[in-house]
């Protein structure tokens, strides 16, 4: 059974940094495109960051550009999201996701394109 498990969320003050981790199990994630999405209460789920399966090319949602960095460790089946200069508007439930078919060089920015999802981790940024 394929699973994604996020960790690293928490309560921080505005301006702080936080790193989320997502570990995959049940299959190899080395060549799978992965992404981070978030959903705040009353809002739609939105892309935070996406990364290709193998060559590390990434894309970011406009609200987080320049502040967040996505990275992937293939052998460890892990994807990270480094978040800096956090703002109260970054408060949301953050989800890790992966595309089932191998996608070494493709980016996927729509949540409907992802097949595997974690249960999420809460990030709360106080002002």
Protein backbone atom coordinates (compact mmCIF):
# COMPACT_ATOMS: atom_id res chain seq x y z
CA UNK A 1 0.00 0.00 0.00
CA UNK A 2 1.40 3.34 -1.05
CA UNK A 3 1.51 5.95 1.68
CA UNK A 4 2.75 9.48 2.14
CA UNK A 5 3.33 10.81 5.59
CA UNK A 6 3.97 14.47 6.36
CA UNK A 7 5.68 15.85 9.42
CA UNK A 8 7.14 19.10 10.68
CA UNK A 9 4.09 21.28 11.01
CA UNK A 10 3.42 23.40 14.04
CA UNK A 11 2.74 26.82 15.49
CA UNK A 12 5.26 29.55 14.75
CA UNK A 13 5.41 33.33 14.81
CA UNK A 14 5.42 35.47 11.71
CA UNK A 15 8.87 35.70 10.21
CA UNK A 16 9.93 32.29 11.42
CA UNK A 17 11.06 29.32 9.35
CA UNK A 18 9.76 25.77 9.25
CA UNK A 19 10.62 22.69 7.22
CA UNK A 20 8.06 20.08 6.30
CA UNK A 21 9.02 16.53 5.37
CA UNK A 22 7.06 13.90 3.52
CA UNK A 23 8.16 10.27 3.43
CA UNK A 24 6.75 7.85 0.91
CA UNK A 25 6.41 4.12 1.38
CA UNK A 26 5.02 1.20 -0.54
CA UNK A 27 6.89 1.90 -3.76
CA UNK A 28 9.94 3.79 -4.99
CA UNK A 29 9.44 7.54 -5.31
CA UNK A 30 12.77 8.29 -6.95
CA UNK A 31 11.36 9.19 -10.35
CA UNK A 32 7.94 10.42 -9.31
CA UNK A 33 6.88 14.02 -9.58
CA UNK A 34 5.76 15.34 -6.22
CA UNK A 35 4.17 18.42 -4.81
CA UNK A 36 2.97 20.30 -1.78
CA UNK A 37 -0.51 21.75 -1.59
CA UNK A 38 -2.27 23.64 1.16
CA UNK A 39 -5.80 24.38 2.19
CA UNK A 40 -6.94 27.03 4.60
CA UNK A 41 -10.41 27.05 6.20
CA UNK A 42 -13.02 28.24 3.74
CA UNK A 43 -10.57 28.27 0.84
CA UNK A 44 -9.80 25.95 -2.02
CA UNK A 45 -6.74 23.75 -2.02
CA UNK A 46 -3.87 25.48 -3.79
CA UNK A 47 -0.47 24.54 -5.13
CA UNK A 48 2.44 25.49 -2.92
CA UNK A 49 5.26 23.86 -4.85
CA UNK A 50 5.86 21.08 -7.34
CA UNK A 51 9.03 19.25 -8.33
CA UNK A 52 9.91 16.92 -11.18
CA UNK A 53 10.77 13.31 -10.61
CA UNK A 54 14.46 13.39 -11.37
CA UNK A 55 16.04 16.67 -12.40
CA UNK A 56 14.91 18.88 -9.54
CA UNK A 57 13.07 21.47 -11.58
CA UNK A 58 10.47 23.17 -9.41
CA UNK A 59 7.55 25.54 -9.67
CA UNK A 60 5.91 27.58 -6.94
CA UNK A 61 2.60 29.17 -6.24
CA UNK A 62 2.75 32.96 -6.47
CA UNK A 63 2.13 33.58 -2.73
CA UNK A 64 5.23 31.61 -1.74
CA UNK A 65 7.72 32.43 -4.47
CA UNK A 66 11.03 33.52 -3.04
CA UNK A 67 10.17 32.24 0.44
CA UNK A 68 9.60 28.50 0.06
CA UNK A 69 11.87 25.84 -1.44
CA UNK A 70 10.90 22.32 -2.42
CA UNK A 71 13.51 19.59 -2.65
CA UNK A 72 13.54 15.85 -3.10
CA UNK A 73 15.75 13.07 -1.84
CA UNK A 74 15.05 10.16 -4.15
CA UNK A 75 16.91 7.39 -2.28
CA UNK A 76 15.13 8.40 0.93
CA UNK A 77 11.71 8.61 -0.72
CA UNK A 78 11.39 12.03 0.85
CA UNK A 79 10.32 15.47 -0.31
CA UNK A 80 10.90 18.59 1.75
CA UNK A 81 9.37 22.02 1.90
CA UNK A 82 11.54 24.70 3.44
CA UNK A 83 9.46 27.68 4.46
CA UNK A 84 11.01 31.01 5.38
CA UNK A 85 9.60 34.40 6.32
CA UNK A 86 6.31 32.80 7.23
CA UNK A 87 3.23 34.99 7.24
CA UNK A 88 -0.13 34.55 8.97
CA UNK A 89 -1.68 33.97 5.56
CA UNK A 90 0.49 30.83 5.22
CA UNK A 91 -1.65 29.23 7.91
CA UNK A 92 -3.20 26.11 6.40
CA UNK A 93 -3.20 22.36 6.32
CA UNK A 94 -0.28 21.28 4.13
CA UNK A 95 -0.49 18.14 2.03
CA UNK A 96 2.17 16.16 0.22
CA UNK A 97 1.23 14.46 -3.04
CA UNK A 98 2.81 12.30 -5.75
CA UNK A 99 2.00 11.33 -9.31
CA UNK A 100 1.78 7.58 -9.81
CA UNK A 101 3.50 7.27 -13.19
CA UNK A 102 7.18 7.99 -13.48
CA UNK A 103 7.65 11.60 -14.54
CA UNK A 104 11.30 12.44 -14.52
CA UNK A 105 11.05 15.78 -16.27
CA UNK A 106 7.43 16.86 -15.89
CA UNK A 107 5.88 19.29 -13.48
CA UNK A 108 2.31 18.90 -12.32
CA UNK A 109 0.52 21.91 -10.87
CA UNK A 110 -3.09 20.75 -10.60
CA UNK A 111 -4.20 18.71 -7.64
CA UNK A 112 -6.31 16.52 -9.94
CA UNK A 113 -3.10 15.28 -11.56
CA UNK A 114 -1.85 13.70 -8.35
CA UNK A 115 -2.63 10.14 -7.36
CA UNK A 116 -1.20 9.74 -3.89
CA UNK A 117 -1.90 12.05 -0.97
CA UNK A 118 -0.76 12.29 2.59
CA UNK A 119 -3.04 13.11 5.48
CA UNK A 120 -1.54 16.53 5.93
CA UNK A 121 0.11 18.57 8.62
CA UNK A 122 -1.11 21.81 10.17
CA UNK A 123 0.97 24.96 9.92
CA UNK A 124 -0.18 27.91 11.98
CA UNK A 125 1.57 31.27 11.80
CA UNK A 126 0.71 33.81 14.46
CA UNK A 127 1.07 37.54 13.95
